[in-house]
Amino acid sequence: GERVPDKGLMDMADLNRLDVVALVHERDIPYIRSSMMAKIAIPGNDKTFYSAQVHHIGRSSQKLLFPHCPYCPENRRISIVLQPSIEQSNSS
């Protein structure tokens, strides 16, 4: 067999950080800023929220890129980084 280098075979993903791409409607973009904190909920589980931070806001929507396309959404992509902590809602 071959000797494995001291560096290892591969790099594993950092599971303490999760990057998510979300679609946000153009009319809501003025209320979002890079580095702002957010709470993310998973549909169907209204009692658990994940702490997150906005990392990047896309420059333009598909509607702006293709103004005559009737099927292009007016959404922009934003990059969100989920933090490792989970918050439980106090509502019952």
PDB file of N, CA and C in Angstrom:
ATOM      1  N   GLY A   1       0.807  -1.194   0.000  1.00  0.00           N
ATOM      2  CA  GLY A   1       0.000   0.000   0.000  1.00  0.00           C
ATOM      3  C   GLY A   1       0.847   1.253   0.000  1.00  0.00           C
ATOM      4  N   GLU A   2       0.178   2.324  -0.324  1.00  0.00           N
ATOM      5  CA  GLU A   2       0.854   3.627  -0.352  1.00  0.00           C
ATOM      6  C   GLU A   2       0.788   4.289   1.008  1.00  0.00           C
ATOM      7  N   ARG A   3       1.769   5.081   1.281  1.00  0.00           N
ATOM      8  CA  ARG A   3       1.789   5.863   2.515  1.00  0.00           C
ATOM      9  C   ARG A   3       0.919   7.105   2.320  1.00  0.00           C
ATOM     10  N   VAL A   4       0.051   7.373   3.286  1.00  0.00           N
ATOM     11  CA  VAL A   4      -0.825   8.547   3.243  1.00  0.00           C
ATOM     12  C   VAL A   4      -0.020   9.766   3.674  1.00  0.00           C
ATOM     13  N   PRO A   5      -0.098  10.877   2.907  1.00  0.00           N
ATOM     14  CA  PRO A   5       0.648  12.083   3.309  1.00  0.00           C
ATOM     15  C   PRO A   5       0.182  12.584   4.677  1.00  0.00           C
ATOM     16  N   ASP A   6       1.083  13.299   5.354  1.00  0.00           N
ATOM     17  CA  ASP A   6       0.766  13.830   6.688  1.00  0.00           C
ATOM     18  C   ASP A   6      -0.408  14.800   6.666  1.00  0.00           C
ATOM     19  N   LYS A   7      -0.694  15.383   5.498  1.00  0.00           N
ATOM     20  CA  LYS A   7      -1.805  16.338   5.382  1.00  0.00           C
ATOM     21  C   LYS A   7      -3.159  15.647   5.406  1.00  0.00           C
ATOM     22  N   GLY A   8      -3.215  14.370   5.199  1.00  0.00           N
ATOM     23  CA  GLY A   8      -4.485  13.653   5.163  1.00  0.00           C
ATOM     24  C   GLY A   8      -4.939  13.413   3.736  1.00  0.00           C
ATOM     25  N   LEU A   9      -6.085  12.755   3.603  1.00  0.00           N
ATOM     26  CA  LEU A   9      -6.611  12.423   2.281  1.00  0.00           C
ATOM     27  C   LEU A   9      -7.497  13.503   1.691  1.00  0.00           C
ATOM     28  N   MET A  10      -8.286  14.174   2.535  1.00  0.00           N
ATOM     29  CA  MET A  10      -9.235  15.174   2.032  1.00  0.00           C
ATOM     30  C   MET A  10      -9.602  16.150   3.136  1.00  0.00           C
ATOM     31  N   ASP A  11     -10.211  17.248   2.737  1.00  0.00           N
ATOM     32  CA  ASP A  11     -10.746  18.228   3.682  1.00  0.00           C
ATOM     33  C   ASP A  11     -12.238  17.981   3.837  1.00  0.00           C
ATOM     34  N   MET A  12     -12.719  18.005   5.060  1.00  0.00           N
ATOM     35  CA  MET A  12     -14.142  17.832   5.331  1.00  0.00           C
ATOM     36  C   MET A  12     -14.795  19.202   5.445  1.00  0.00           C
ATOM     37  N   ALA A  13     -16.079  19.252   5.173  1.00  0.00           N
ATOM     38  CA  ALA A  13     -16.829  20.507   5.301  1.00  0.00           C
ATOM     39  C   ALA A  13     -16.917  20.914   6.763  1.00  0.00           C
ATOM     40  N   ASP A  14     -16.956  22.205   6.994  1.00  0.00           N
ATOM     41  CA  ASP A  14     -17.135  22.726   8.350  1.00  0.00           C
ATOM     42  C   ASP A  14     -18.618  22.653   8.685  1.00  0.00           C
ATOM     43  N   LEU A  15     -19.003  21.710   9.539  1.00  0.00           N
ATOM     44  CA  LEU A  15     -20.412  21.516   9.867  1.00  0.00           C
ATOM     45  C   LEU A  15     -20.917  22.512  10.908  1.00  0.00           C
ATOM     46  N   ASN A  16     -20.039  23.395  11.384  1.00  0.00           N
ATOM     47  CA  ASN A  16     -20.462  24.442  12.310  1.00  0.00           C
ATOM     48  C   ASN A  16     -21.009  25.658  11.579  1.00  0.00           C
ATOM     49  N   ARG A  17     -20.947  25.612  10.251  1.00  0.00           N
ATOM     50  CA  ARG A  17     -21.427  26.739   9.448  1.00  0.00           C
ATOM     51  C   ARG A  17     -22.161  26.184   8.234  1.00  0.00           C
ATOM     52  N   LEU A  18     -23.315  26.758   7.933  1.00  0.00           N
ATOM     53  CA  LEU A  18     -24.093  26.321   6.783  1.00  0.00           C
ATOM     54  C   LEU A  18     -24.467  27.541   5.961  1.00  0.00           C
ATOM     55  N   ASP A  19     -24.048  27.555   4.699  1.00  0.00           N
ATOM     56  CA  ASP A  19     -24.392  28.655   3.791  1.00  0.00           C
ATOM     57  C   ASP A  19     -25.672  28.302   3.053  1.00  0.00           C
ATOM     58  N   VAL A  20     -26.611  29.235   3.045  1.00  0.00           N
ATOM     59  CA  VAL A  20     -27.917  29.026   2.421  1.00  0.00           C
ATOM     60  C   VAL A  20     -28.157  30.152   1.429  1.00  0.00           C
ATOM     61  N   VAL A  21     -28.735  29.822   0.292  1.00  0.00           N
ATOM     62  CA  VAL A  21     -29.146  30.847  -0.678  1.00  0.00           C
ATOM     63  C   VAL A  21     -30.663  30.959  -0.601  1.00  0.00           C
ATOM     64  N   ALA A  22     -31.152  32.162  -0.369  1.00  0.00           N
ATOM     65  CA  ALA A  22     -32.594  32.400  -0.266  1.00  0.00           C
ATOM     66  C   ALA A  22     -33.023  33.377  -1.355  1.00  0.00           C
ATOM     67  N   LEU A  23     -34.266  33.250  -1.793  1.00  0.00           N
ATOM     68  CA  LEU A  23     -34.830  34.188  -2.761  1.00  0.00           C
ATOM     69  C   LEU A  23     -35.685  35.205  -2.011  1.00  0.00           C
ATOM     70  N   VAL A  24     -35.426  36.474  -2.276  1.00  0.00           N
ATOM     71  CA  VAL A  24     -36.153  37.567  -1.625  1.00  0.00           C
ATOM     72  C   VAL A  24     -36.732  38.453  -2.716  1.00  0.00           C
ATOM     73  N   HIS A  25     -37.995  38.827  -2.566  1.00  0.00           N
ATOM     74  CA  HIS A  25     -38.649  39.681  -3.556  1.00  0.00           C
ATOM     75  C   HIS A  25     -37.982  41.053  -3.585  1.00  0.00           C
ATOM     76  N   GLU A  26     -37.921  41.635  -4.769  1.00  0.00           N
ATOM     77  CA  GLU A  26     -37.289  42.950  -4.973  1.00  0.00           C
ATOM     78  C   GLU A  26     -37.803  44.015  -3.998  1.00  0.00           C
ATOM     79  N   ARG A  27     -39.090  44.017  -3.717  1.00  0.00           N
ATOM     80  CA  ARG A  27     -39.644  45.075  -2.855  1.00  0.00           C
ATOM     81  C   ARG A  27     -39.142  44.974  -1.414  1.00  0.00           C
ATOM     82  N   ASP A  28     -38.610  43.805  -1.005  1.00  0.00           N
ATOM     83  CA  ASP A  28     -38.109  43.626   0.356  1.00  0.00           C
ATOM     84  C   ASP A  28     -36.612  43.885   0.492  1.00  0.00           C
ATOM     85  N   ILE A  29     -35.902  44.002  -0.616  1.00  0.00           N
ATOM     86  CA  ILE A  29     -34.449  44.194  -0.590  1.00  0.00           C
ATOM     87  C   ILE A  29     -34.031  45.460   0.169  1.00  0.00           C
ATOM     88  N   PRO A  30     -34.743  46.596   0.084  1.00  0.00           N
ATOM     89  CA  PRO A  30     -34.303  47.778   0.838  1.00  0.00           C
ATOM     90  C   PRO A  30     -34.253  47.569   2.352  1.00  0.00           C
ATOM     91  N   TYR A  31     -34.930  46.558   2.858  1.00  0.00           N
ATOM     92  CA  TYR A  31     -34.952  46.295   4.297  1.00  0.00           C
ATOM     93  C   TYR A  31     -33.861  45.322   4.742  1.00  0.00           C
ATOM     94  N   ILE A  32     -33.064  44.835   3.799  1.00  0.00           N
ATOM     95  CA  ILE A  32     -32.031  43.849   4.099  1.00  0.00           C
ATOM     96  C   ILE A  32     -30.657  44.461   3.853  1.00  0.00           C
ATOM     97  N   ARG A  33     -29.753  44.228   4.787  1.00  0.00           N
ATOM     98  CA  ARG A  33     -28.379  44.727   4.674  1.00  0.00           C
ATOM     99  C   ARG A  33     -27.413  43.578   4.942  1.00  0.00           C
ATOM    100  N   SER A  34     -26.252  43.635   4.304  1.00  0.00           N
ATOM    101  CA  SER A  34     -25.205  42.656   4.600  1.00  0.00           C
ATOM    102  C   SER A  34     -24.827  42.764   6.071  1.00  0.00           C
ATOM    103  N   SER A  35     -24.540  41.648   6.685  1.00  0.00           N
ATOM    104  CA  SER A  35     -24.144  41.524   8.091  1.00  0.00           C
ATOM    105  C   SER A  35     -25.301  41.632   9.073  1.00  0.00           C
ATOM    106  N   MET A  36     -26.525  41.906   8.602  1.00  0.00           N
ATOM    107  CA  MET A  36     -27.635  41.977   9.544  1.00  0.00           C
ATOM    108  C   MET A  36     -27.996  40.568  10.019  1.00  0.00           C
ATOM    109  N   MET A  37     -28.467  40.473  11.246  1.00  0.00           N
ATOM    110  CA  MET A  37     -28.851  39.191  11.828  1.00  0.00           C
ATOM    111  C   MET A  37     -30.280  38.858  11.411  1.00  0.00           C
ATOM    112  N   ALA A  38     -30.564  37.571  11.350  1.00  0.00           N
ATOM    113  CA  ALA A  38     -31.893  37.105  10.958  1.00  0.00           C
ATOM    114  C   ALA A  38     -32.222  35.848  11.744  1.00  0.00           C
ATOM    115  N   LYS A  39     -33.496  35.511  11.768  1.00  0.00           N
ATOM    116  CA  LYS A  39     -33.949  34.243  12.330  1.00  0.00           C
ATOM    117  C   LYS A  39     -34.600  33.468  11.204  1.00  0.00           C
ATOM    118  N   ILE A  40     -34.211  32.217  11.047  1.00  0.00           N
ATOM    119  CA  ILE A  40     -34.708  31.364   9.976  1.00  0.00           C
ATOM    120  C   ILE A  40     -35.597  30.287  10.582  1.00  0.00           C
ATOM    121  N   ALA A  41     -36.786  30.109  10.009  1.00  0.00           N
ATOM    122  CA  ALA A  41     -37.697  29.047  10.441  1.00  0.00           C
ATOM    123  C   ALA A  41     -37.855  28.052   9.306  1.00  0.00           C
ATOM    124  N   ILE A  42     -38.024  26.800   9.668  1.00  0.00           N
ATOM    125  CA  ILE A  42     -38.259  25.758   8.673  1.00  0.00           C
ATOM    126  C   ILE A  42     -39.764  25.557   8.570  1.00  0.00           C
ATOM    127  N   PRO A  43     -40.331  25.588   7.360  1.00  0.00           N
ATOM    128  CA  PRO A  43     -41.776  25.387   7.217  1.00  0.00           C
ATOM    129  C   PRO A  43     -42.222  24.082   7.880  1.00  0.00           C
ATOM    130  N   GLY A  44     -43.312  24.177   8.633  1.00  0.00           N
ATOM    131  CA  GLY A  44     -43.842  23.012   9.331  1.00  0.00           C
ATOM    132  C   GLY A  44     -43.341  22.885  10.756  1.00  0.00           C
ATOM    133  N   ASN A  45     -42.334  23.673  11.122  1.00  0.00           N
ATOM    134  CA  ASN A  45     -41.819  23.656  12.489  1.00  0.00           C
ATOM    135  C   ASN A  45     -41.751  25.089  12.977  1.00  0.00           C
ATOM    136  N   ASP A  46     -42.876  25.596  13.458  1.00  0.00           N
ATOM    137  CA  ASP A  46     -42.956  27.012  13.823  1.00  0.00           C
ATOM    138  C   ASP A  46     -42.396  27.315  15.211  1.00  0.00           C
ATOM    139  N   LYS A  47     -41.847  26.330  15.910  1.00  0.00           N
ATOM    140  CA  LYS A  47     -41.308  26.575  17.251  1.00  0.00           C
ATOM    141  C   LYS A  47     -39.785  26.636  17.290  1.00  0.00           C
ATOM    142  N   THR A  48     -39.121  26.321  16.191  1.00  0.00           N
ATOM    143  CA  THR A  48     -37.666  26.329  16.161  1.00  0.00           C
ATOM    144  C   THR A  48     -37.181  27.375  15.170  1.00  0.00           C
ATOM    145  N   PHE A  49     -36.270  28.221  15.630  1.00  0.00           N
ATOM    146  CA  PHE A  49     -35.671  29.250  14.784  1.00  0.00           C
ATOM    147  C   PHE A  49     -34.163  29.090  14.817  1.00  0.00           C
ATOM    148  N   TYR A  50     -33.522  29.342  13.693  1.00  0.00           N
ATOM    149  CA  TYR A  50     -32.074  29.269  13.591  1.00  0.00           C
ATOM    150  C   TYR A  50     -31.527  30.684  13.436  1.00  0.00           C
ATOM    151  N   SER A  51     -30.492  31.002  14.206  1.00  0.00           N
ATOM    152  CA  SER A  51     -29.836  32.301  14.066  1.00  0.00           C
ATOM    153  C   SER A  51     -29.045  32.308  12.770  1.00  0.00           C
ATOM    154  N   ALA A  52     -29.062  33.438  12.079  1.00  0.00           N
ATOM    155  CA  ALA A  52     -28.363  33.536  10.797  1.00  0.00           C
ATOM    156  C   ALA A  52     -27.871  34.965  10.592  1.00  0.00           C
ATOM    157  N   GLN A  53     -26.976  35.114   9.643  1.00  0.00           N
ATOM    158  CA  GLN A  53     -26.461  36.431   9.289  1.00  0.00           C
ATOM    159  C   GLN A  53     -26.409  36.544   7.777  1.00  0.00           C
ATOM    160  N   VAL A  54     -26.884  37.675   7.258  1.00  0.00           N
ATOM    161  CA  VAL A  54     -26.855  37.914   5.813  1.00  0.00           C
ATOM    162  C   VAL A  54     -25.403  38.138   5.404  1.00  0.00           C
ATOM    163  N   HIS A  55     -24.959  37.379   4.423  1.00  0.00           N
ATOM    164  CA  HIS A  55     -23.575  37.455   3.968  1.00  0.00           C
ATOM    165  C   HIS A  55     -23.446  38.279   2.684  1.00  0.00           C
ATOM    166  N   HIS A  56     -24.364  38.086   1.745  1.00  0.00           N
ATOM    167  CA  HIS A  56     -24.263  38.755   0.443  1.00  0.00           C
ATOM    168  C   HIS A  56     -25.655  38.938  -0.146  1.00  0.00           C
ATOM    169  N   ILE A  57     -25.873  40.057  -0.804  1.00  0.00           N
ATOM    170  CA  ILE A  57     -27.134  40.327  -1.503  1.00  0.00           C
ATOM    171  C   ILE A  57     -26.830  40.423  -2.988  1.00  0.00           C
ATOM    172  N   GLY A  58     -27.540  39.633  -3.796  1.00  0.00           N
ATOM    173  CA  GLY A  58     -27.336  39.659  -5.245  1.00  0.00           C
ATOM    174  C   GLY A  58     -27.631  41.031  -5.833  1.00  0.00           C
ATOM    175  N   ARG A  59     -26.996  41.329  -6.955  1.00  0.00           N
ATOM    176  CA  ARG A  59     -27.144  42.650  -7.567  1.00  0.00           C
ATOM    177  C   ARG A  59     -28.449  42.865  -8.300  1.00  0.00           C
ATOM    178  N   SER A  60     -28.940  41.860  -8.975  1.00  0.00           N
ATOM    179  CA  SER A  60     -30.143  42.081  -9.777  1.00  0.00           C
ATOM    180  C   SER A  60     -30.993  40.824  -9.838  1.00  0.00           C
ATOM    181  N   SER A  61     -32.273  41.030 -10.058  1.00  0.00           N
ATOM    182  CA  SER A  61     -33.188  39.902 -10.202  1.00  0.00           C
ATOM    183  C   SER A  61     -33.205  39.448 -11.652  1.00  0.00           C
ATOM    184  N   GLN A  62     -33.784  38.292 -11.875  1.00  0.00           N
ATOM    185  CA  GLN A  62     -33.922  37.809 -13.249  1.00  0.00           C
ATOM    186  C   GLN A  62     -34.825  38.744 -14.035  1.00  0.00           C
ATOM    187  N   LYS A  63     -35.797  39.372 -13.367  1.00  0.00           N
ATOM    188  CA  LYS A  63     -36.707  40.295 -14.053  1.00  0.00           C
ATOM    189  C   LYS A  63     -35.939  41.507 -14.594  1.00  0.00           C
ATOM    190  N   LEU A  64     -34.950  41.982 -13.837  1.00  0.00           N
ATOM    191  CA  LEU A  64     -34.147  43.114 -14.318  1.00  0.00           C
ATOM    192  C   LEU A  64     -33.218  42.694 -15.448  1.00  0.00           C
ATOM    193  N   LEU A  65     -32.738  41.462 -15.383  1.00  0.00           N
ATOM    194  CA  LEU A  65     -31.850  40.975 -16.443  1.00  0.00           C
ATOM    195  C   LEU A  65     -32.609  40.703 -17.740  1.00  0.00           C
ATOM    196  N   PHE A  66     -33.871  40.231 -17.600  1.00  0.00           N
ATOM    197  CA  PHE A  66     -34.702  39.889 -18.755  1.00  0.00           C
ATOM    198  C   PHE A  66     -36.065  40.578 -18.601  1.00  0.00           C
ATOM    199  N   PRO A  67     -36.130  41.897 -18.814  1.00  0.00           N
ATOM    200  CA  PRO A  67     -37.360  42.653 -18.519  1.00  0.00           C
ATOM    201  C   PRO A  67     -38.586  42.229 -19.322  1.00  0.00           C
ATOM    202  N   HIS A  68     -38.411  41.637 -20.480  1.00  0.00           N
ATOM    203  CA  HIS A  68     -39.567  41.262 -21.306  1.00  0.00           C
ATOM    204  C   HIS A  68     -39.995  39.814 -21.100  1.00  0.00           C
ATOM    205  N   CYS A  69     -39.348  39.125 -20.174  1.00  0.00           N
ATOM    206  CA  CYS A  69     -39.680  37.722 -19.901  1.00  0.00           C
ATOM    207  C   CYS A  69     -40.852  37.661 -18.915  1.00  0.00           C
ATOM    208  N   PRO A  70     -42.019  37.153 -19.339  1.00  0.00           N
ATOM    209  CA  PRO A  70     -43.176  37.113 -18.425  1.00  0.00           C
ATOM    210  C   PRO A  70     -43.034  36.050 -17.336  1.00  0.00           C
ATOM    211  N   TYR A  71     -42.068  35.146 -17.466  1.00  0.00           N
ATOM    212  CA  TYR A  71     -41.923  34.062 -16.495  1.00  0.00           C
ATOM    213  C   TYR A  71     -40.781  34.282 -15.501  1.00  0.00           C
ATOM    214  N   CYS A  72     -40.012  35.350 -15.667  1.00  0.00           N
ATOM    215  CA  CYS A  72     -38.882  35.605 -14.786  1.00  0.00           C
ATOM    216  C   CYS A  72     -39.363  36.219 -13.478  1.00  0.00           C
ATOM    217  N   PRO A  73     -38.962  35.645 -12.342  1.00  0.00           N
ATOM    218  CA  PRO A  73     -39.411  36.177 -11.057  1.00  0.00           C
ATOM    219  C   PRO A  73     -38.702  37.484 -10.719  1.00  0.00           C
ATOM    220  N   GLU A  74     -39.330  38.256  -9.851  1.00  0.00           N
ATOM    221  CA  GLU A  74     -38.747  39.511  -9.391  1.00  0.00           C
ATOM    222  C   GLU A  74     -38.031  39.282  -8.065  1.00  0.00           C
ATOM    223  N   ASN A  75     -37.290  38.199  -7.974  1.00  0.00           N
ATOM    224  CA  ASN A  75     -36.578  37.844  -6.752  1.00  0.00           C
ATOM    225  C   ASN A  75     -35.089  38.061  -6.917  1.00  0.00           C
ATOM    226  N   ARG A  76     -34.427  38.362  -5.792  1.00  0.00           N
ATOM    227  CA  ARG A  76     -32.969  38.428  -5.772  1.00  0.00           C
ATOM    228  C   ARG A  76     -32.460  37.338  -4.850  1.00  0.00           C
ATOM    229  N   ARG A  77     -31.293  36.840  -5.155  1.00  0.00           N
ATOM    230  CA  ARG A  77     -30.686  35.828  -4.304  1.00  0.00           C
ATOM    231  C   ARG A  77     -29.864  36.502  -3.217  1.00  0.00           C
ATOM    232  N   ILE A  78     -30.028  36.021  -1.995  1.00  0.00           N
ATOM    233  CA  ILE A  78     -29.179  36.487  -0.907  1.00  0.00           C
ATOM    234  C   ILE A  78     -28.512  35.268  -0.283  1.00  0.00           C
ATOM    235  N   SER A  79     -27.293  35.447   0.155  1.00  0.00           N
ATOM    236  CA  SER A  79     -26.537  34.389   0.806  1.00  0.00           C
ATOM    237  C   SER A  79     -26.625  34.610   2.302  1.00  0.00           C
ATOM    238  N   ILE A  80     -27.022  33.562   3.037  1.00  0.00           N
ATOM    239  CA  ILE A  80     -27.197  33.637   4.481  1.00  0.00           C
ATOM    240  C   ILE A  80     -26.332  32.563   5.113  1.00  0.00           C
ATOM    241  N   VAL A  81     -25.664  32.901   6.210  1.00  0.00           N
ATOM    242  CA  VAL A  81     -24.849  31.943   6.950  1.00  0.00           C
ATOM    243  C   VAL A  81     -25.588  31.604   8.236  1.00  0.00           C
ATOM    244  N   LEU A  82     -25.967  30.323   8.385  1.00  0.00           N
ATOM    245  CA  LEU A  82     -26.629  29.882   9.609  1.00  0.00           C
ATOM    246  C   LEU A  82     -25.598  29.694  10.704  1.00  0.00           C
ATOM    247  N   GLN A  83     -25.918  30.182  11.888  1.00  0.00           N
ATOM    248  CA  GLN A  83     -25.055  30.019  13.052  1.00  0.00           C
ATOM    249  C   GLN A  83     -25.359  28.668  13.702  1.00  0.00           C
ATOM    250  N   PRO A  84     -24.435  28.108  14.476  1.00  0.00           N
ATOM    251  CA  PRO A  84     -24.671  26.781  15.048  1.00  0.00           C
ATOM    252  C   PRO A  84     -25.735  26.732  16.135  1.00  0.00           C
ATOM    253  N   SER A  85     -26.131  27.866  16.700  1.00  0.00           N
ATOM    254  CA  SER A  85     -27.110  27.834  17.788  1.00  0.00           C
ATOM    255  C   SER A  85     -28.534  27.737  17.253  1.00  0.00           C
ATOM    256  N   ILE A  86     -29.384  27.095  18.033  1.00  0.00           N
ATOM    257  CA  ILE A  86     -30.799  26.961  17.722  1.00  0.00           C
ATOM    258  C   ILE A  86     -31.586  27.590  18.850  1.00  0.00           C
ATOM    259  N   GLU A  87     -32.569  28.400  18.507  1.00  0.00           N
ATOM    260  CA  GLU A  87     -33.407  29.042  19.510  1.00  0.00           C
ATOM    261  C   GLU A  87     -34.788  28.418  19.475  1.00  0.00           C
ATOM    262  N   GLN A  88     -35.352  28.178  20.628  1.00  0.00           N
ATOM    263  CA  GLN A  88     -36.702  27.651  20.730  1.00  0.00           C
ATOM    264  C   GLN A  88     -37.659  28.807  20.989  1.00  0.00           C
ATOM    265  N   SER A  89     -38.795  28.790  20.335  1.00  0.00           N
ATOM    266  CA  SER A  89     -39.817  29.813  20.538  1.00  0.00           C
ATOM    267  C   SER A  89     -40.504  29.581  21.871  1.00  0.00           C
ATOM    268  N   ASN A  90     -40.911  30.661  22.535  1.00  0.00           N
ATOM    269  CA  ASN A  90     -41.640  30.556  23.792  1.00  0.00           C
ATOM    270  C   ASN A  90     -43.136  30.494  23.595  1.00  0.00           C
ATOM    271  N   SER A  91     -43.610  30.654  22.370  1.00  0.00           N
ATOM    272  CA  SER A  91     -45.055  30.628  22.130  1.00  0.00           C
ATOM    273  C   SER A  91     -45.574  29.211  22.235  1.00  0.00           C
ATOM    274  N   SER A  92     -46.829  29.076  22.656  1.00  0.00           N
ATOM    275  CA  SER A  92     -47.398  27.727  22.764  1.00  0.00           C
ATOM    276  C   SER A  92     -48.578  27.542  21.852  1.00  0.00           C
TER     277      SER A  92
END
